[in-house]
C-alpha atoms as a PDB file:
ATOM      1  CA  MET A   1       0.000   0.000   0.000  1.00  0.00           C
ATOM      2  CA  HIS A   2       1.226   3.485  -0.824  1.00  0.00           C
ATOM      3  CA  TRP A   3      -0.574   5.097   2.092  1.00  0.00           C
ATOM      4  CA  GLU A   4      -0.634   4.796   5.866  1.00  0.00           C
ATOM      5  CA  ASP A   5      -3.177   5.601   8.551  1.00  0.00           C
ATOM      6  CA  VAL A   6      -1.911   8.187  11.044  1.00  0.00           C
ATOM      7  CA  ASP A   7      -4.261   9.337  13.805  1.00  0.00           C
ATOM      8  CA  GLY A   8      -7.276   8.292  11.740  1.00  0.00           C
ATOM      9  CA  VAL A   9      -6.129  10.105   8.598  1.00  0.00           C
ATOM     10  CA  ARG A  10      -4.846   8.439   5.439  1.00  0.00           C
ATOM     11  CA  ILE A  11      -1.694  10.050   4.104  1.00  0.00           C
ATOM     12  CA  PRO A  12       0.689   8.908   1.375  1.00  0.00           C
ATOM     13  CA  LYS A  13       3.883   7.190   2.419  1.00  0.00           C
ATOM     14  CA  ARG A  14       6.931   9.398   2.144  1.00  0.00           C
ATOM     15  CA  VAL A  15       9.143   8.146  -0.679  1.00  0.00           C
ATOM     16  CA  GLY A  16      10.550  11.432  -2.005  1.00  0.00           C
ATOM     17  CA  GLY A  17      13.640  11.667   0.163  1.00  0.00           C
ATOM     18  CA  HIS A  18      12.810  15.240   1.216  1.00  0.00           C
ATOM     19  CA  ALA A  19       9.704  16.907   2.678  1.00  0.00           C
ATOM     20  CA  ALA A  20       9.445  19.244  -0.342  1.00  0.00           C
ATOM     21  CA  LEU A  21       9.156  16.282  -2.698  1.00  0.00           C
ATOM     22  CA  ASP A  22       6.790  14.490  -0.337  1.00  0.00           C
ATOM     23  CA  LEU A  23       4.598  17.599  -0.409  1.00  0.00           C
ATOM     24  CA  CYS A  24       4.396  17.265  -4.210  1.00  0.00           C
ATOM     25  CA  ASN A  25       3.506  13.608  -3.686  1.00  0.00           C
ATOM     26  CA  THR A  26       0.341  14.453  -1.783  1.00  0.00           C
ATOM     27  CA  LEU A  27      -1.241  14.540  -5.245  1.00  0.00           C
ATOM     28  CA  ALA A  28      -1.045  11.550  -7.577  1.00  0.00           C
ATOM     29  CA  GLY A  29      -1.730  11.746 -11.275  1.00  0.00           C
ATOM     30  CA  TRP A  30       0.284  14.835 -12.203  1.00  0.00           C
ATOM     31  CA  GLY A  31      -0.325  15.493 -15.881  1.00  0.00           C
ATOM     32  CA  GLU A  32      -3.643  13.634 -15.808  1.00  0.00           C
ATOM     33  CA  PRO A  33      -7.061  15.309 -16.137  1.00  0.00           C
ATOM     34  CA  PRO A  34      -8.330  16.509 -12.731  1.00  0.00           C
ATOM     35  CA  ALA A  35     -10.906  13.710 -12.563  1.00  0.00           C
ATOM     36  CA  ARG A  36      -8.111  11.110 -12.696  1.00  0.00           C
ATOM     37  CA  ARG A  37      -5.967  12.628  -9.953  1.00  0.00           C
ATOM     38  CA  SER A  38      -5.840  11.446  -6.334  1.00  0.00           C
ATOM     39  CA  GLU A  39      -5.856  14.221  -3.742  1.00  0.00           C
ATOM     40  CA  TRP A  40      -4.442  13.311  -0.337  1.00  0.00           C
ATOM     41  CA  LEU A  41      -4.852  16.747   1.266  1.00  0.00           C
ATOM     42  CA  GLY A  42      -8.634  16.689   1.392  1.00  0.00           C
ATOM     43  CA  GLY A  43      -8.907  18.906   4.444  1.00  0.00           C
ATOM     44  CA  TYR A  44      -7.029  20.534   7.277  1.00  0.00           C
ATOM     45  CA  ASP A  45      -6.717  17.348   9.335  1.00  0.00           C
ATOM     46  CA  ALA A  46      -4.822  15.692   6.471  1.00  0.00           C
ATOM     47  CA  VAL A  47      -2.568  18.747   6.050  1.00  0.00           C
ATOM     48  CA  ALA A  48      -1.632  18.835   9.746  1.00  0.00           C
ATOM     49  CA  VAL A  49      -1.121  15.079  10.079  1.00  0.00           C
ATOM     50  CA  TRP A  50       0.974  14.960   6.895  1.00  0.00           C
ATOM     51  CA  ALA A  51       3.119  17.898   8.078  1.00  0.00           C
ATOM     52  CA  GLU A  52       3.878  16.224  11.407  1.00  0.00           C
ATOM     53  CA  ALA A  53       4.616  12.865   9.748  1.00  0.00           C
ATOM     54  CA  ALA A  54       6.969  14.651   7.330  1.00  0.00           C
ATOM     55  CA  GLY A  55       8.888  16.119  10.274  1.00  0.00           C
ATOM     56  CA  LEU A  56       7.715  19.686   9.703  1.00  0.00           C
ATOM     57  CA  LEU A  57       5.869  19.908  13.018  1.00  0.00           C
ATOM     58  CA  ARG A  58       6.973  18.807  16.479  1.00  0.00           C
ATOM     59  CA  PRO A  59       5.414  15.606  17.899  1.00  0.00           C
ATOM     60  CA  GLY A  60       1.904  16.261  19.158  1.00  0.00           C
ATOM     61  CA  GLU A  61       1.618  19.598  17.370  1.00  0.00           C
ATOM     62  CA  ALA A  62      -0.742  18.287  14.677  1.00  0.00           C
ATOM     63  CA  ALA A  63      -3.349  17.317  17.274  1.00  0.00           C
ATOM     64  CA  ARG A  64      -3.241  20.794  18.850  1.00  0.00           C
ATOM     65  CA  LEU A  65      -3.489  22.478  15.454  1.00  0.00           C
ATOM     66  CA  ARG A  66      -6.389  20.257  14.406  1.00  0.00           C
ATOM     67  CA  ARG A  67      -8.316  21.330  17.494  1.00  0.00           C
ATOM     68  CA  ALA A  68      -7.545  24.992  16.770  1.00  0.00           C
ATOM     69  CA  ALA A  69      -8.577  24.566  13.128  1.00  0.00           C
ATOM     70  CA  HIS A  70     -11.998  23.253  14.151  1.00  0.00           C
ATOM     71  CA  ARG A  71     -12.514  26.560  16.008  1.00  0.00           C
ATOM     72  CA  GLU A  72     -11.336  28.544  12.946  1.00  0.00           C
ATOM     73  CA  PRO A  73     -12.821  26.710   9.938  1.00  0.00           C
ATOM     74  CA  THR A  74     -12.466  29.626   7.504  1.00  0.00           C
ATOM     75  CA  GLN A  75      -8.773  30.054   8.253  1.00  0.00           C
ATOM     76  CA  ALA A  76      -8.252  26.279   8.123  1.00  0.00           C
ATOM     77  CA  ALA A  77      -9.866  26.086   4.662  1.00  0.00           C
ATOM     78  CA  ASP A  78      -7.612  28.923   3.493  1.00  0.00           C
ATOM     79  CA  VAL A  79      -4.548  27.041   4.738  1.00  0.00           C
ATOM     80  CA  VAL A  80      -5.589  23.947   2.762  1.00  0.00           C
ATOM     81  CA  ARG A  81      -6.022  26.074  -0.375  1.00  0.00           C
ATOM     82  CA  ARG A  82      -2.644  27.744   0.122  1.00  0.00           C
ATOM     83  CA  VAL A  83      -0.835  24.453   0.811  1.00  0.00           C
ATOM     84  CA  ARG A  84      -2.223  23.027  -2.440  1.00  0.00           C
ATOM     85  CA  GLN A  85      -1.082  26.155  -4.297  1.00  0.00           C
ATOM     86  CA  LEU A  86       2.353  25.917  -2.664  1.00  0.00           C
ATOM     87  CA  ARG A  87       2.513  22.269  -3.756  1.00  0.00           C
ATOM     88  CA  GLN A  88       1.831  23.269  -7.361  1.00  0.00           C
ATOM     89  CA  ASN A  89       4.492  25.994  -7.218  1.00  0.00           C
ATOM     90  CA  VAL A  90       7.047  23.672  -5.607  1.00  0.00           C
ATOM     91  CA  ARG A  91       6.445  21.056  -8.291  1.00  0.00           C
ATOM     92  CA  THR A  92       6.845  23.683 -11.003  1.00  0.00           C
ATOM     93  CA  ALA A  93      10.040  25.015  -9.415  1.00  0.00           C
ATOM     94  CA  VAL A  94      11.489  21.518  -8.938  1.00  0.00           C
ATOM     95  CA  THR A  95      10.722  20.250 -12.435  1.00  0.00           C
ATOM     96  CA  ASP A  96      11.588  23.556 -14.141  1.00  0.00           C
ATOM     97  CA  PRO A  97      14.019  25.572 -11.942  1.00  0.00           C
ATOM     98  CA  ARG A  98      14.133  28.364 -14.536  1.00  0.00           C
ATOM     99  CA  HIS A  99      10.405  28.972 -14.102  1.00  0.00           C
ATOM    100  CA  ALA A 100      10.655  32.270 -12.218  1.00  0.00           C
ATOM    101  CA  ARG A 101       6.997  32.479 -11.189  1.00  0.00           C
ATOM    102  CA  GLY A 102       7.075  29.126  -9.382  1.00  0.00           C
ATOM    103  CA  LEU A 103      10.209  30.143  -7.480  1.00  0.00           C
ATOM    104  CA  GLN A 104       8.808  33.568  -6.623  1.00  0.00           C
ATOM    105  CA  GLN A 105       5.597  32.079  -5.250  1.00  0.00           C
ATOM    106  CA  VAL A 106       7.520  29.621  -3.042  1.00  0.00           C
ATOM    107  CA  ALA A 107       9.846  32.428  -1.907  1.00  0.00           C
ATOM    108  CA  ALA A 108       6.908  34.653  -0.925  1.00  0.00           C
ATOM    109  CA  VAL A 109       5.481  32.050   1.460  1.00  0.00           C
ATOM    110  CA  ALA A 110       8.962  31.145   2.766  1.00  0.00           C
ATOM    111  CA  GLN A 111       9.611  34.833   3.545  1.00  0.00           C
ATOM    112  CA  GLU A 112       6.288  34.971   5.390  1.00  0.00           C
ATOM    113  CA  ALA A 113       7.478  31.982   7.439  1.00  0.00           C
ATOM    114  CA  VAL A 114      10.853  33.559   8.228  1.00  0.00           C
ATOM    115  CA  SER A 115       9.156  36.740   9.424  1.00  0.00           C
ATOM    116  CA  ARG A 116       7.274  34.692  12.020  1.00  0.00           C
ATOM    117  CA  LEU A 117      10.273  32.829  13.478  1.00  0.00           C
ATOM    118  CA  THR A 118      11.371  33.324  17.065  1.00  0.00           C
ATOM    119  CA  LEU A 119      14.769  32.338  18.450  1.00  0.00           C
ATOM    120  CA  VAL A 120      14.052  30.025  21.383  1.00  0.00           C
ATOM    121  CA  SER A 121      16.673  29.458  24.093  1.00  0.00           C
ATOM    122  CA  GLY A 122      17.542  26.068  25.440  1.00  0.00           C
ATOM    123  CA  GLU A 123      20.346  23.526  25.463  1.00  0.00           C
ATOM    124  CA  ARG A 124      20.642  24.241  21.770  1.00  0.00           C
ATOM    125  CA  PRO A 125      18.884  27.477  20.719  1.00  0.00           C
ATOM    126  CA  GLU A 126      16.685  27.105  17.658  1.00  0.00           C
ATOM    127  CA  TRP A 127      14.437  29.122  15.386  1.00  0.00           C
ATOM    128  CA  ARG A 128      10.860  28.145  16.035  1.00  0.00           C
ATOM    129  CA  LEU A 129       7.580  29.108  14.428  1.00  0.00           C
ATOM    130  CA  THR A 130       4.876  30.310  16.786  1.00  0.00           C
ATOM    131  CA  PRO A 131       2.202  27.581  16.696  1.00  0.00           C
ATOM    132  CA  ALA A 132      -0.748  28.725  14.590  1.00  0.00           C
ATOM    133  CA  VAL A 133      -3.203  27.133  12.177  1.00  0.00           C
ATOM    134  CA  ASP A 134      -1.011  28.113   9.214  1.00  0.00           C
ATOM    135  CA  ALA A 135       2.118  26.429  10.676  1.00  0.00           C
ATOM    136  CA  PRO A 136       1.960  23.453   8.244  1.00  0.00           C
ATOM    137  CA  LEU A 137       1.930  25.865   5.284  1.00  0.00           C
ATOM    138  CA  LEU A 138       4.799  27.974   6.570  1.00  0.00           C
ATOM    139  CA  GLN A 139       6.947  24.998   7.575  1.00  0.00           C
ATOM    140  CA  ALA A 140       6.364  23.360   4.181  1.00  0.00           C
ATOM    141  CA  ALA A 141       7.449  26.589   2.470  1.00  0.00           C
ATOM    142  CA  ARG A 142      10.639  26.734   4.577  1.00  0.00           C
ATOM    143  CA  ALA A 143      11.443  23.117   3.683  1.00  0.00           C
ATOM    144  CA  ALA A 144      10.755  23.790   0.004  1.00  0.00           C
ATOM    145  CA  SER A 145      12.976  26.876  -0.099  1.00  0.00           C
ATOM    146  CA  ASP A 146      15.776  24.924   1.601  1.00  0.00           C
ATOM    147  CA  PHE A 147      15.426  22.128  -0.950  1.00  0.00           C
ATOM    148  CA  LEU A 148      15.310  24.440  -3.962  1.00  0.00           C
ATOM    149  CA  THR A 149      18.617  26.000  -2.913  1.00  0.00           C
ATOM    150  CA  SER A 150      20.298  22.748  -1.846  1.00  0.00           C
ATOM    151  CA  GLY A 151      21.795  21.649  -5.150  1.00  0.00           C
ATOM    152  CA  ASP A 152      19.751  18.414  -5.199  1.00  0.00           C
ATOM    153  CA  LEU A 153      17.453  19.383  -8.074  1.00  0.00           C
ATOM    154  CA  ALA A 154      19.510  17.491 -10.648  1.00  0.00           C
ATOM    155  CA  ALA A 155      18.877  14.264  -8.718  1.00  0.00           C
ATOM    156  CA  VAL A 156      15.059  14.551  -8.801  1.00  0.00           C
ATOM    157  CA  ARG A 157      13.134  12.030 -10.902  1.00  0.00           C
ATOM    158  CA  ALA A 158       9.427  11.639 -11.612  1.00  0.00           C
ATOM    159  CA  CYS A 159       7.825   8.208 -11.434  1.00  0.00           C
ATOM    160  CA  PRO A 160       6.564   7.133 -14.887  1.00  0.00           C
ATOM    161  CA  GLY A 161       3.888   4.905 -13.324  1.00  0.00           C
ATOM    162  CA  GLU A 162       0.403   5.277 -14.736  1.00  0.00           C
ATOM    163  CA  GLY A 163      -1.527   7.848 -12.706  1.00  0.00           C
ATOM    164  CA  CYS A 164       1.472   8.599 -10.491  1.00  0.00           C
ATOM    165  CA  GLY A 165       4.122  11.223 -11.286  1.00  0.00           C
ATOM    166  CA  TRP A 166       5.497  11.251  -7.743  1.00  0.00           C
ATOM    167  CA  LEU A 167       8.912  12.860  -7.328  1.00  0.00           C
ATOM    168  CA  PHE A 168      11.901  11.313  -5.583  1.00  0.00           C
ATOM    169  CA  LEU A 169      15.623  11.809  -5.129  1.00  0.00           C
ATOM    170  CA  ASP A 170      17.789   9.515  -7.232  1.00  0.00           C
ATOM    171  CA  PRO A 171      21.398  10.654  -6.697  1.00  0.00           C
ATOM    172  CA  ARG A 172      22.860   7.453  -8.218  1.00  0.00           C
ATOM    173  CA  GLY A 173      20.605   7.441 -11.271  1.00  0.00           C
ATOM    174  CA  ARG A 174      19.443   3.864 -10.654  1.00  0.00           C
ATOM    175  CA  ARG A 175      15.897   4.333  -9.462  1.00  0.00           C
ATOM    176  CA  ARG A 176      12.998   4.344 -11.916  1.00  0.00           C
ATOM    177  CA  TRP A 177       9.864   4.069  -9.784  1.00  0.00           C
ATOM    178  CA  CYS A 178       8.544   5.858  -6.715  1.00  0.00           C
ATOM    179  CA  SER A 179       8.298   2.327  -5.344  1.00  0.00           C
ATOM    180  CA  MET A 180       8.999  -0.986  -7.030  1.00  0.00           C
ATOM    181  CA  ALA A 181       6.277  -2.509  -4.838  1.00  0.00           C
ATOM    182  CA  TRP A 182       3.601  -0.166  -6.235  1.00  0.00           C
ATOM    183  CA  CYS A 183       4.241   1.360  -9.633  1.00  0.00           C
ATOM    184  CA  GLY A 184       7.089  -0.961 -10.642  1.00  0.00           C
ATOM    185  CA  ASN A 185       5.117  -4.152 -10.049  1.00  0.00           C
ATOM    186  CA  ARG A 186       1.987  -2.757 -11.698  1.00  0.00           C
ATOM    187  CA  ALA A 187       4.026  -1.933 -14.795  1.00  0.00           C
ATOM    188  CA  LYS A 188       5.549  -5.428 -14.809  1.00  0.00           C
ATOM    189  CA  VAL A 189       2.123  -7.060 -14.527  1.00  0.00           C
ATOM    190  CA  ARG A 190       0.758  -4.856 -17.324  1.00  0.00           C
ATOM    191  CA  ALA A 191       3.736  -5.619 -19.578  1.00  0.00           C
ATOM    192  CA  HIS A 192       3.396  -9.360 -18.898  1.00  0.00           C
ATOM    193  CA  ALA A 193      -0.342  -9.257 -19.708  1.00  0.00           C
ATOM    194  CA  GLU A 194       0.374  -7.455 -22.990  1.00  0.00           C
ATOM    195  CA  ARG A 195       3.059 -10.006 -23.943  1.00  0.00           C
ATOM    196  CA  THR A 196       0.678 -12.858 -23.087  1.00  0.00           C
ATOM    197  CA  ARG A 197      -2.109 -11.353 -25.196  1.00  0.00           C
ATOM    198  CA  GLY A 198       0.395 -10.782 -28.027  1.00  0.00           C
END
C-alpha cells in the first residue's frame, strides 16, 4: 500500500527523500485530467497530520493544530487552499528551476514563514515558528525553499507509473519508480499481460 493511517487520517507514504518532494507527492496523477488525480490533502486534518509525519511539526503539534482549526474553519480552509497552491508551485520550481513564477511564489510564502520565526533558548537554541493554524503551510514553504537551494534538483526524478508522477531523489541514477512494490510491479504485470495477449 502506498498510504498509511496516522491518527485516523490516510496520508501517502513518504518516498521522495525530502519533505518538499513528499509535499508534491500528496497529489497523484500529475499530468492527468483533474478527474483522474488522487488528492491526499482533502482537508485541514490531512494537512496537519501529513506535516507532522513529514517532520515539519513537532510531535503532538498536529493534534493541537487540528483542534484549533476546528474553532477557525475559515482560516483552516484557506490554509488547505494555500498548501495546495504551494505544492503546485514547488512542483513547477522543482521540475523547471528556470520557471521564475514558481520560485517567486515559493519564496513569498517562505519569507512569510521567516518573518514569524522566534529564536528560542535552550540547550541548543533554535528558530521556532509560533504555533498557529497556518504552521503546516509555513513549515512546508521553509522546507521547500531549503530544498530548492540545496543543489539536489539534478537528482530529482518523476515516477513514470500510470496515474502517479510522484517525485523522488535519485542521486545514483538507478531508481525508476517511486516504489517498485507499487508502480514498478503494476508496470511489470501490465507488460506481462500485454506479452501474453500478443
